Amino acid sequence: NLDLPETIAVRQRLLPENGAISQIAMSAMDDWGGCIAEQDTP
């Protein structure tokens, strides 16, 4: 789940996630691809 830092801060309070679900606090126009481990899976 990717969104702006201020949005993810709210999300982390209301919908804390772990395991198979991760959160990325970045703009959609930033280079967020580097935060994603998977590259070869669909």
PDB file of all heavy atoms in Angstrom:
ATOM      1  N   ASN A   1       0.857  -1.185   0.000  1.00  0.00           N
ATOM      2  CA  ASN A   1       0.000   0.000   0.000  1.00  0.00           C
ATOM      3  C   ASN A   1       0.892   1.233   0.000  1.00  0.00           C
ATOM      4  O   ASN A   1       1.697   1.423   0.911  1.00  0.00           O
ATOM      5  CB  ASN A   1      -0.921  -0.001   1.226  1.00  0.00           C
ATOM      6  CG  ASN A   1      -2.009  -1.053   1.114  1.00  0.00           C
ATOM      7  OD1 ASN A   1      -2.652  -1.187   0.086  1.00  0.00           O
ATOM      8  ND2 ASN A   1      -2.205  -1.831   2.178  1.00  0.00           N
ATOM      9  N   LEU A   2       0.738   2.066  -1.021  1.00  0.00           N
ATOM     10  CA  LEU A   2       1.610   3.212  -1.237  1.00  0.00           C
ATOM     11  C   LEU A   2       0.818   4.507  -1.171  1.00  0.00           C
ATOM     12  O   LEU A   2      -0.230   4.635  -1.817  1.00  0.00           O
ATOM     13  CB  LEU A   2       2.268   3.088  -2.615  1.00  0.00           C
ATOM     14  CG  LEU A   2       2.951   4.331  -3.201  1.00  0.00           C
ATOM     15  CD1 LEU A   2       4.260   4.602  -2.476  1.00  0.00           C
ATOM     16  CD2 LEU A   2       3.180   4.161  -4.700  1.00  0.00           C
ATOM     17  N   ASP A   3       1.311   5.481  -0.408  1.00  0.00           N
ATOM     18  CA  ASP A   3       0.682   6.803  -0.386  1.00  0.00           C
ATOM     19  C   ASP A   3       1.640   7.800   0.256  1.00  0.00           C
ATOM     20  O   ASP A   3       2.711   7.433   0.739  1.00  0.00           O
ATOM     21  CB  ASP A   3      -0.661   6.770   0.353  1.00  0.00           C
ATOM     22  CG  ASP A   3      -1.667   7.744  -0.259  1.00  0.00           C
ATOM     23  OD1 ASP A   3      -1.273   8.876  -0.592  1.00  0.00           O
ATOM     24  OD2 ASP A   3      -2.853   7.376  -0.396  1.00  0.00           O
ATOM     25  N   LEU A   4       1.222   9.060   0.268  1.00  0.00           N
ATOM     26  CA  LEU A   4       2.026  10.139   0.833  1.00  0.00           C
ATOM     27  C   LEU A   4       2.318   9.874   2.315  1.00  0.00           C
ATOM     28  O   LEU A   4       1.529   9.217   3.010  1.00  0.00           O
ATOM     29  CB  LEU A   4       1.290  11.467   0.690  1.00  0.00           C
ATOM     30  CG  LEU A   4       1.050  11.957  -0.742  1.00  0.00           C
ATOM     31  CD1 LEU A   4       0.071  13.131  -0.735  1.00  0.00           C
ATOM     32  CD2 LEU A   4       2.360  12.359  -1.398  1.00  0.00           C
ATOM     33  N   PRO A   5       3.421  10.379   2.828  1.00  0.00           N
ATOM     34  CA  PRO A   5       3.770  10.134   4.235  1.00  0.00           C
ATOM     35  C   PRO A   5       2.669  10.507   5.209  1.00  0.00           C
ATOM     36  O   PRO A   5       2.415   9.774   6.178  1.00  0.00           O
ATOM     37  CB  PRO A   5       5.023  11.002   4.439  1.00  0.00           C
ATOM     38  CG  PRO A   5       5.662  11.034   3.085  1.00  0.00           C
ATOM     39  CD  PRO A   5       4.514  11.080   2.111  1.00  0.00           C
ATOM     40  N   GLU A   6       1.986  11.659   4.987  1.00  0.00           N
ATOM     41  CA  GLU A   6       0.928  12.053   5.925  1.00  0.00           C
ATOM     42  C   GLU A   6      -0.263  11.098   5.879  1.00  0.00           C
ATOM     43  O   GLU A   6      -0.948  10.886   6.882  1.00  0.00           O
ATOM     44  CB  GLU A   6       0.466  13.493   5.658  1.00  0.00           C
ATOM     45  CG  GLU A   6      -0.096  13.748   4.269  1.00  0.00           C
ATOM     46  CD  GLU A   6       0.929  14.301   3.309  1.00  0.00           C
ATOM     47  OE1 GLU A   6       2.100  13.865   3.359  1.00  0.00           O
ATOM     48  OE2 GLU A   6       0.578  15.176   2.505  1.00  0.00           O
ATOM     49  N   THR A   7      -0.486  10.513   4.716  1.00  0.00           N
ATOM     50  CA  THR A   7      -1.571   9.544   4.583  1.00  0.00           C
ATOM     51  C   THR A   7      -1.202   8.224   5.241  1.00  0.00           C
ATOM     52  O   THR A   7      -2.007   7.625   5.973  1.00  0.00           O
ATOM     53  CB  THR A   7      -1.901   9.325   3.103  1.00  0.00           C
ATOM     54  OG1 THR A   7      -2.326  10.565   2.524  1.00  0.00           O
ATOM     55  CG2 THR A   7      -3.006   8.298   2.937  1.00  0.00           C
ATOM     56  N   ILE A   8       0.003   7.753   4.990  1.00  0.00           N
ATOM     57  CA  ILE A   8       0.438   6.498   5.586  1.00  0.00           C
ATOM     58  C   ILE A   8       0.516   6.618   7.109  1.00  0.00           C
ATOM     59  O   ILE A   8       0.238   5.655   7.837  1.00  0.00           O
ATOM     60  CB  ILE A   8       1.792   6.059   4.997  1.00  0.00           C
ATOM     61  CG1 ILE A   8       1.617   5.654   3.524  1.00  0.00           C
ATOM     62  CG2 ILE A   8       2.386   4.899   5.794  1.00  0.00           C
ATOM     63  CD1 ILE A   8       0.700   4.472   3.274  1.00  0.00           C
ATOM     64  N   ALA A   9       0.841   7.793   7.621  1.00  0.00           N
ATOM     65  CA  ALA A   9       0.854   7.988   9.078  1.00  0.00           C
ATOM     66  C   ALA A   9      -0.528   7.738   9.666  1.00  0.00           C
ATOM     67  O   ALA A   9      -0.666   7.123  10.729  1.00  0.00           O
ATOM     68  CB  ALA A   9       1.330   9.405   9.411  1.00  0.00           C
ATOM     69  N   VAL A  10      -1.576   8.217   8.966  1.00  0.00           N
ATOM     70  CA  VAL A  10      -2.950   7.960   9.403  1.00  0.00           C
ATOM     71  C   VAL A  10      -3.271   6.481   9.251  1.00  0.00           C
ATOM     72  O   VAL A  10      -3.851   5.852  10.146  1.00  0.00           O
ATOM     73  CB  VAL A  10      -3.941   8.813   8.588  1.00  0.00           C
ATOM     74  CG1 VAL A  10      -5.378   8.428   8.916  1.00  0.00           C
ATOM     75  CG2 VAL A  10      -3.713  10.292   8.855  1.00  0.00           C
ATOM     76  N   ARG A  11      -2.886   5.910   8.124  1.00  0.00           N
ATOM     77  CA  ARG A  11      -3.189   4.498   7.871  1.00  0.00           C
ATOM     78  C   ARG A  11      -2.535   3.587   8.915  1.00  0.00           C
ATOM     79  O   ARG A  11      -3.138   2.608   9.356  1.00  0.00           O
ATOM     80  CB  ARG A  11      -2.718   4.116   6.465  1.00  0.00           C
ATOM     81  CG  ARG A  11      -3.129   2.706   6.060  1.00  0.00           C
ATOM     82  CD  ARG A  11      -2.730   2.332   4.646  1.00  0.00           C
ATOM     83  NE  ARG A  11      -3.159   0.979   4.386  1.00  0.00           N
ATOM     84  CZ  ARG A  11      -4.305   0.651   3.807  1.00  0.00           C
ATOM     85  NH1 ARG A  11      -5.124   1.589   3.387  1.00  0.00           N
ATOM     86  NH2 ARG A  11      -4.634  -0.616   3.634  1.00  0.00           N
ATOM     87  N   GLN A  12      -1.319   3.897   9.299  1.00  0.00           N
ATOM     88  CA  GLN A  12      -0.629   3.071  10.281  1.00  0.00           C
ATOM     89  C   GLN A  12      -1.328   3.081  11.634  1.00  0.00           C
ATOM     90  O   GLN A  12      -1.265   2.094  12.378  1.00  0.00           O
ATOM     91  CB  GLN A  12       0.822   3.538  10.425  1.00  0.00           C
ATOM     92  CG  GLN A  12       1.685   3.165   9.230  1.00  0.00           C
ATOM     93  CD  GLN A  12       3.075   3.762   9.304  1.00  0.00           C
ATOM     94  OE1 GLN A  12       3.295   4.776   9.961  1.00  0.00           O
ATOM     95  NE2 GLN A  12       4.027   3.135   8.628  1.00  0.00           N
ATOM     96  N   ARG A  13      -1.989   4.193  11.961  1.00  0.00           N
ATOM     97  CA  ARG A  13      -2.747   4.248  13.211  1.00  0.00           C
ATOM     98  C   ARG A  13      -4.041   3.454  13.127  1.00  0.00           C
ATOM     99  O   ARG A  13      -4.446   2.810  14.089  1.00  0.00           O
ATOM    100  CB  ARG A  13      -3.064   5.710  13.583  1.00  0.00           C
ATOM    101  CG  ARG A  13      -1.832   6.579  13.777  1.00  0.00           C
ATOM    102  CD  ARG A  13      -2.082   7.770  14.687  1.00  0.00           C
ATOM    103  NE  ARG A  13      -3.255   8.552  14.382  1.00  0.00           N
ATOM    104  CZ  ARG A  13      -3.254   9.663  13.660  1.00  0.00           C
ATOM    105  NH1 ARG A  13      -2.118  10.097  13.114  1.00  0.00           N
ATOM    106  NH2 ARG A  13      -4.356  10.341  13.473  1.00  0.00           N
ATOM    107  N   LEU A  14      -4.688   3.523  11.964  1.00  0.00           N
ATOM    108  CA  LEU A  14      -6.008   2.914  11.819  1.00  0.00           C
ATOM    109  C   LEU A  14      -5.952   1.490  11.278  1.00  0.00           C
ATOM    110  O   LEU A  14      -6.797   0.657  11.628  1.00  0.00           O
ATOM    111  CB  LEU A  14      -6.877   3.773  10.893  1.00  0.00           C
ATOM    112  CG  LEU A  14      -7.139   5.200  11.363  1.00  0.00           C
ATOM    113  CD1 LEU A  14      -7.878   5.977  10.291  1.00  0.00           C
ATOM    114  CD2 LEU A  14      -7.932   5.207  12.668  1.00  0.00           C
ATOM    115  N   LEU A  15      -4.992   1.218  10.407  1.00  0.00           N
ATOM    116  CA  LEU A  15      -4.888  -0.089   9.764  1.00  0.00           C
ATOM    117  C   LEU A  15      -3.443  -0.579   9.835  1.00  0.00           C
ATOM    118  O   LEU A  15      -2.757  -0.682   8.814  1.00  0.00           O
ATOM    119  CB  LEU A  15      -5.354  -0.007   8.299  1.00  0.00           C
ATOM    120  CG  LEU A  15      -6.832   0.333   8.070  1.00  0.00           C
ATOM    121  CD1 LEU A  15      -7.071   0.697   6.604  1.00  0.00           C
ATOM    122  CD2 LEU A  15      -7.726  -0.829   8.478  1.00  0.00           C
ATOM    123  N   PRO A  16      -2.943  -0.879  11.022  1.00  0.00           N
ATOM    124  CA  PRO A  16      -1.564  -1.380  11.132  1.00  0.00           C
ATOM    125  C   PRO A  16      -1.438  -2.716  10.412  1.00  0.00           C
ATOM    126  O   PRO A  16      -2.311  -3.578  10.520  1.00  0.00           O
ATOM    127  CB  PRO A  16      -1.369  -1.518  12.645  1.00  0.00           C
ATOM    128  CG  PRO A  16      -2.751  -1.664  13.205  1.00  0.00           C
ATOM    129  CD  PRO A  16      -3.635  -0.844  12.325  1.00  0.00           C
ATOM    130  N   GLU A  17      -0.358  -2.864   9.656  1.00  0.00           N
ATOM    131  CA  GLU A  17      -0.219  -4.041   8.803  1.00  0.00           C
ATOM    132  C   GLU A  17       1.162  -4.659   8.956  1.00  0.00           C
ATOM    133  O   GLU A  17       2.131  -3.988   9.309  1.00  0.00           O
ATOM    134  CB  GLU A  17      -0.474  -3.652   7.334  1.00  0.00           C
ATOM    135  CG  GLU A  17      -1.919  -3.212   7.099  1.00  0.00           C
ATOM    136  CD  GLU A  17      -2.077  -2.316   5.878  1.00  0.00           C
ATOM    137  OE1 GLU A  17      -1.060  -1.927   5.293  1.00  0.00           O
ATOM    138  OE2 GLU A  17      -3.217  -2.007   5.527  1.00  0.00           O
ATOM    139  N   ASN A  18       1.243  -5.953   8.673  1.00  0.00           N
ATOM    140  CA  ASN A  18       2.527  -6.654   8.700  1.00  0.00           C
ATOM    141  C   ASN A  18       2.392  -7.926   7.867  1.00  0.00           C
ATOM    142  O   ASN A  18       1.386  -8.128   7.199  1.00  0.00           O
ATOM    143  CB  ASN A  18       2.938  -6.989  10.152  1.00  0.00           C
ATOM    144  CG  ASN A  18       1.841  -7.724  10.911  1.00  0.00           C
ATOM    145  OD1 ASN A  18       1.188  -8.600  10.378  1.00  0.00           O
ATOM    146  ND2 ASN A  18       1.641  -7.340  12.171  1.00  0.00           N
ATOM    147  N   GLY A  19       3.401  -8.754   7.912  1.00  0.00           N
ATOM    148  CA  GLY A  19       3.342  -9.996   7.150  1.00  0.00           C
ATOM    149  C   GLY A  19       3.367  -9.752   5.662  1.00  0.00           C
ATOM    150  O   GLY A  19       4.281  -9.113   5.131  1.00  0.00           O
ATOM    151  N   ALA A  20       2.340 -10.230   4.970  1.00  0.00           N
ATOM    152  CA  ALA A  20       2.279 -10.122   3.510  1.00  0.00           C
ATOM    153  C   ALA A  20       1.888  -8.730   3.039  1.00  0.00           C
ATOM    154  O   ALA A  20       1.946  -8.442   1.842  1.00  0.00           O
ATOM    155  CB  ALA A  20       1.298 -11.153   2.949  1.00  0.00           C
ATOM    156  N   ILE A  21       1.469  -7.853   3.968  1.00  0.00           N
ATOM    157  CA  ILE A  21       1.025  -6.495   3.611  1.00  0.00           C
ATOM    158  C   ILE A  21       2.053  -5.497   4.128  1.00  0.00           C
ATOM    159  O   ILE A  21       2.398  -5.500   5.307  1.00  0.00           O
ATOM    160  CB  ILE A  21      -0.360  -6.194   4.202  1.00  0.00           C
ATOM    161  CG1 ILE A  21      -1.384  -7.238   3.756  1.00  0.00           C
ATOM    162  CG2 ILE A  21      -0.816  -4.800   3.785  1.00  0.00           C
ATOM    163  CD1 ILE A  21      -2.730  -7.129   4.438  1.00  0.00           C
ATOM    164  N   SER A  22       2.532  -4.645   3.227  1.00  0.00           N
ATOM    165  CA  SER A  22       3.524  -3.636   3.586  1.00  0.00           C
ATOM    166  C   SER A  22       3.019  -2.242   3.214  1.00  0.00           C
ATOM    167  O   SER A  22       2.145  -2.104   2.359  1.00  0.00           O
ATOM    168  CB  SER A  22       4.852  -3.897   2.854  1.00  0.00           C
ATOM    169  OG  SER A  22       5.375  -5.163   3.183  1.00  0.00           O
ATOM    170  N   GLN A  23       3.589  -1.233   3.832  1.00  0.00           N
ATOM    171  CA  GLN A  23       3.204   0.146   3.557  1.00  0.00           C
ATOM    172  C   GLN A  23       4.425   0.947   3.086  1.00  0.00           C
ATOM    173  O   GLN A  23       5.506   0.802   3.648  1.00  0.00           O
ATOM    174  CB  GLN A  23       2.602   0.799   4.800  1.00  0.00           C
ATOM    175  CG  GLN A  23       1.684  -0.138   5.582  1.00  0.00           C
ATOM    176  CD  GLN A  23       0.490   0.566   6.168  1.00  0.00           C
ATOM    177  OE1 GLN A  23      -0.319   1.102   5.439  1.00  0.00           O
ATOM    178  NE2 GLN A  23       0.363   0.564   7.474  1.00  0.00           N
ATOM    179  N   ILE A  24       4.227   1.782   2.074  1.00  0.00           N
ATOM    180  CA  ILE A  24       5.295   2.618   1.550  1.00  0.00           C
ATOM    181  C   ILE A  24       4.842   4.069   1.620  1.00  0.00           C
ATOM    182  O   ILE A  24       3.830   4.438   1.019  1.00  0.00           O
ATOM    183  CB  ILE A  24       5.637   2.253   0.099  1.00  0.00           C
ATOM    184  CG1 ILE A  24       6.060   0.774  -0.008  1.00  0.00           C
ATOM    185  CG2 ILE A  24       6.740   3.160  -0.442  1.00  0.00           C
ATOM    186  CD1 ILE A  24       6.292   0.307  -1.431  1.00  0.00           C
ATOM    187  N   ALA A  25       5.586   4.887   2.340  1.00  0.00           N
ATOM    188  CA  ALA A  25       5.228   6.299   2.527  1.00  0.00           C
ATOM    189  C   ALA A  25       5.984   7.154   1.521  1.00  0.00           C
ATOM    190  O   ALA A  25       7.054   7.706   1.829  1.00  0.00           O
ATOM    191  CB  ALA A  25       5.529   6.733   3.960  1.00  0.00           C
ATOM    192  N   MET A  26       5.446   7.245   0.312  1.00  0.00           N
ATOM    193  CA  MET A  26       6.074   8.016  -0.754  1.00  0.00           C
ATOM    194  C   MET A  26       5.005   8.538  -1.697  1.00  0.00           C
ATOM    195  O   MET A  26       3.902   7.986  -1.771  1.00  0.00           O
ATOM    196  CB  MET A  26       7.074   7.164  -1.556  1.00  0.00           C
ATOM    197  CG  MET A  26       8.247   6.657  -0.771  1.00  0.00           C
ATOM    198  SD  MET A  26       9.366   5.614  -1.771  1.00  0.00           S
ATOM    199  CE  MET A  26      10.134   6.862  -2.811  1.00  0.00           C
ATOM    200  N   SER A  27       5.346   9.582  -2.443  1.00  0.00           N
ATOM    201  CA  SER A  27       4.469  10.048  -3.511  1.00  0.00           C
ATOM    202  C   SER A  27       4.431   9.027  -4.632  1.00  0.00           C
ATOM    203  O   SER A  27       5.424   8.336  -4.893  1.00  0.00           O
ATOM    204  CB  SER A  27       4.978  11.393  -4.057  1.00  0.00           C
ATOM    205  OG  SER A  27       4.379  11.689  -5.303  1.00  0.00           O
ATOM    206  N   ALA A  28       3.315   8.939  -5.321  1.00  0.00           N
ATOM    207  CA  ALA A  28       3.191   8.039  -6.465  1.00  0.00           C
ATOM    208  C   ALA A  28       4.167   8.394  -7.567  1.00  0.00           C
ATOM    209  O   ALA A  28       4.515   7.547  -8.400  1.00  0.00           O
ATOM    210  CB  ALA A  28       1.758   8.082  -7.009  1.00  0.00           C
ATOM    211  N   MET A  29       4.620   9.656  -7.608  1.00  0.00           N
ATOM    212  CA  MET A  29       5.557  10.098  -8.648  1.00  0.00           C
ATOM    213  C   MET A  29       7.012   9.932  -8.238  1.00  0.00           C
ATOM    214  O   MET A  29       7.917  10.173  -9.037  1.00  0.00           O
ATOM    215  CB  MET A  29       5.290  11.562  -9.027  1.00  0.00           C
ATOM    216  CG  MET A  29       4.107  11.752  -9.958  1.00  0.00           C
ATOM    217  SD  MET A  29       2.512  11.569  -9.108  1.00  0.00           S
ATOM    218  CE  MET A  29       2.432  13.117  -8.186  1.00  0.00           C
ATOM    219  N   ASP A  30       7.281   9.516  -6.991  1.00  0.00           N
ATOM    220  CA  ASP A  30       8.647   9.225  -6.568  1.00  0.00           C
ATOM    221  C   ASP A  30       9.072   7.855  -7.096  1.00  0.00           C
ATOM    222  O   ASP A  30       8.249   7.079  -7.581  1.00  0.00           O
ATOM    223  CB  ASP A  30       8.747   9.229  -5.042  1.00  0.00           C
ATOM    224  CG  ASP A  30       8.660  10.632  -4.452  1.00  0.00           C
ATOM    225  OD1 ASP A  30       8.879  11.595  -5.208  1.00  0.00           O
ATOM    226  OD2 ASP A  30       8.345  10.748  -3.252  1.00  0.00           O
ATOM    227  N   ASP A  31      10.354   7.531  -6.949  1.00  0.00           N
ATOM    228  CA  ASP A  31      10.857   6.242  -7.419  1.00  0.00           C
ATOM    229  C   ASP A  31      10.649   5.174  -6.343  1.00  0.00           C
ATOM    230  O   ASP A  31      11.589   4.690  -5.732  1.00  0.00           O
ATOM    231  CB  ASP A  31      12.334   6.364  -7.795  1.00  0.00           C
ATOM    232  CG  ASP A  31      12.851   5.100  -8.485  1.00  0.00           C
ATOM    233  OD1 ASP A  31      12.025   4.259  -8.878  1.00  0.00           O
ATOM    234  OD2 ASP A  31      14.079   4.965  -8.611  1.00  0.00           O
ATOM    235  N   TRP A  32       9.372   4.830  -6.138  1.00  0.00           N
ATOM    236  CA  TRP A  32       9.030   3.871  -5.092  1.00  0.00           C
ATOM    237  C   TRP A  32       9.367   2.425  -5.458  1.00  0.00           C
ATOM    238  O   TRP A  32       9.323   1.530  -4.604  1.00  0.00           O
ATOM    239  CB  TRP A  32       7.544   3.960  -4.750  1.00  0.00           C
ATOM    240  CG  TRP A  32       6.624   4.022  -5.932  1.00  0.00           C
ATOM    241  CD1 TRP A  32       6.094   5.148  -6.508  1.00  0.00           C
ATOM    242  CD2 TRP A  32       6.121   2.926  -6.703  1.00  0.00           C
ATOM    243  NE1 TRP A  32       5.295   4.825  -7.581  1.00  0.00           N
ATOM    244  CE2 TRP A  32       5.291   3.466  -7.719  1.00  0.00           C
ATOM    245  CE3 TRP A  32       6.278   1.550  -6.633  1.00  0.00           C
ATOM    246  CZ2 TRP A  32       4.633   2.663  -8.664  1.00  0.00           C
ATOM    247  CZ3 TRP A  32       5.634   0.738  -7.563  1.00  0.00           C
ATOM    248  CH2 TRP A  32       4.827   1.300  -8.562  1.00  0.00           C
ATOM    249  N   GLY A  33       9.722   2.187  -6.704  1.00  0.00           N
ATOM    250  CA  GLY A  33      10.049   0.826  -7.116  1.00  0.00           C
ATOM    251  C   GLY A  33      11.177   0.213  -6.310  1.00  0.00           C
ATOM    252  O   GLY A  33      11.209  -0.999  -6.086  1.00  0.00           O
ATOM    253  N   GLY A  34      12.106   1.064  -5.846  1.00  0.00           N
ATOM    254  CA  GLY A  34      13.220   0.558  -5.061  1.00  0.00           C
ATOM    255  C   GLY A  34      12.815   0.006  -3.704  1.00  0.00           C
ATOM    256  O   GLY A  34      13.603  -0.688  -3.056  1.00  0.00           O
ATOM    257  N   CYS A  35      11.601   0.309  -3.251  1.00  0.00           N
ATOM    258  CA  CYS A  35      11.111  -0.194  -1.957  1.00  0.00           C
ATOM    259  C   CYS A  35      10.462  -1.564  -2.089  1.00  0.00           C
ATOM    260  O   CYS A  35      10.005  -2.137  -1.085  1.00  0.00           O
ATOM    261  CB  CYS A  35      10.103   0.789  -1.367  1.00  0.00           C
ATOM    262  SG  CYS A  35      10.788   2.419  -1.013  1.00  0.00           S
ATOM    263  N   ILE A  36      10.376  -2.086  -3.301  1.00  0.00           N
ATOM    264  CA  ILE A  36       9.690  -3.349  -3.544  1.00  0.00           C
ATOM    265  C   ILE A  36      10.712  -4.435  -3.843  1.00  0.00           C
ATOM    266  O   ILE A  36      11.517  -4.306  -4.772  1.00  0.00           O
ATOM    267  CB  ILE A  36       8.681  -3.198  -4.704  1.00  0.00           C
ATOM    268  CG1 ILE A  36       7.575  -2.237  -4.259  1.00  0.00           C
ATOM    269  CG2 ILE A  36       8.124  -4.552  -5.130  1.00  0.00           C
ATOM    270  CD1 ILE A  36       6.563  -1.924  -5.319  1.00  0.00           C
ATOM    271  N   ALA A  37      10.703  -5.491  -3.045  1.00  0.00           N
ATOM    272  CA  ALA A  37      11.693  -6.554  -3.193  1.00  0.00           C
ATOM    273  C   ALA A  37      11.462  -7.377  -4.448  1.00  0.00           C
ATOM    274  O   ALA A  37      12.409  -7.798  -5.120  1.00  0.00           O
ATOM    275  CB  ALA A  37      11.662  -7.448  -1.951  1.00  0.00           C
ATOM    276  N   GLU A  38      10.197  -7.618  -4.780  1.00  0.00           N
ATOM    277  CA  GLU A  38       9.863  -8.489  -5.898  1.00  0.00           C
ATOM    278  C   GLU A  38      10.092  -7.773  -7.229  1.00  0.00           C
ATOM    279  O   GLU A  38       9.715  -6.607  -7.383  1.00  0.00           O
ATOM    280  CB  GLU A  38       8.404  -8.951  -5.806  1.00  0.00           C
ATOM    281  CG  GLU A  38       8.102  -9.831  -4.602  1.00  0.00           C
ATOM    282  CD  GLU A  38       7.974  -9.055  -3.296  1.00  0.00           C
ATOM    283  OE1 GLU A  38       7.847  -7.822  -3.349  1.00  0.00           O
ATOM    284  OE2 GLU A  38       8.014  -9.685  -2.237  1.00  0.00           O
ATOM    285  N   GLN A  39      10.690  -8.490  -8.173  1.00  0.00           N
ATOM    286  CA  GLN A  39      10.905  -7.918  -9.493  1.00  0.00           C
ATOM    287  C   GLN A  39      10.506  -8.893 -10.598  1.00  0.00           C
ATOM    288  O   GLN A  39      10.004  -8.492 -11.639  1.00  0.00           O
ATOM    289  CB  GLN A  39      12.368  -7.518  -9.673  1.00  0.00           C
ATOM    290  CG  GLN A  39      12.650  -6.752 -10.959  1.00  0.00           C
ATOM    291  CD  GLN A  39      14.056  -6.206 -11.003  1.00  0.00           C
ATOM    292  OE1 GLN A  39      14.882  -6.525 -10.145  1.00  0.00           O
ATOM    293  NE2 GLN A  39      14.355  -5.388 -12.002  1.00  0.00           N
ATOM    294  N   ASP A  40      10.719 -10.180 -10.367  1.00  0.00           N
ATOM    295  CA  ASP A  40      10.480 -11.176 -11.405  1.00  0.00           C
ATOM    296  C   ASP A  40       9.086 -11.796 -11.334  1.00  0.00           C
ATOM    297  O   ASP A  40       8.660 -12.444 -12.283  1.00  0.00           O
ATOM    298  CB  ASP A  40      11.533 -12.293 -11.323  1.00  0.00           C
ATOM    299  CG  ASP A  40      12.937 -11.759 -11.588  1.00  0.00           C
ATOM    300  OD1 ASP A  40      13.061 -10.838 -12.421  1.00  0.00           O
ATOM    301  OD2 ASP A  40      13.890 -12.250 -10.961  1.00  0.00           O
ATOM    302  N   THR A  41       8.388 -11.635 -10.219  1.00  0.00           N
ATOM    303  CA  THR A  41       7.032 -12.173 -10.132  1.00  0.00           C
ATOM    304  C   THR A  41       6.064 -11.250 -10.873  1.00  0.00           C
ATOM    305  O   THR A  41       6.298 -10.051 -10.986  1.00  0.00           O
ATOM    306  CB  THR A  41       6.573 -12.289  -8.666  1.00  0.00           C
ATOM    307  OG1 THR A  41       6.619 -10.990  -8.074  1.00  0.00           O
ATOM    308  CG2 THR A  41       7.468 -13.238  -7.893  1.00  0.00           C
ATOM    309  N   PRO A  42       4.969 -11.797 -11.403  1.00  0.00           N
ATOM    310  CA  PRO A  42       3.964 -10.937 -12.040  1.00  0.00           C
ATOM    311  C   PRO A  42       3.450  -9.903 -11.048  1.00  0.00           C
ATOM    312  O   PRO A  42       3.302 -10.187  -9.857  1.00  0.00           O
ATOM    313  CB  PRO A  42       2.861 -11.923 -12.443  1.00  0.00           C
ATOM    314  CG  PRO A  42       3.521 -13.254 -12.496  1.00  0.00           C
ATOM    315  CD  PRO A  42       4.594 -13.223 -11.453  1.00  0.00           C
TER     316      PRO A  42
END
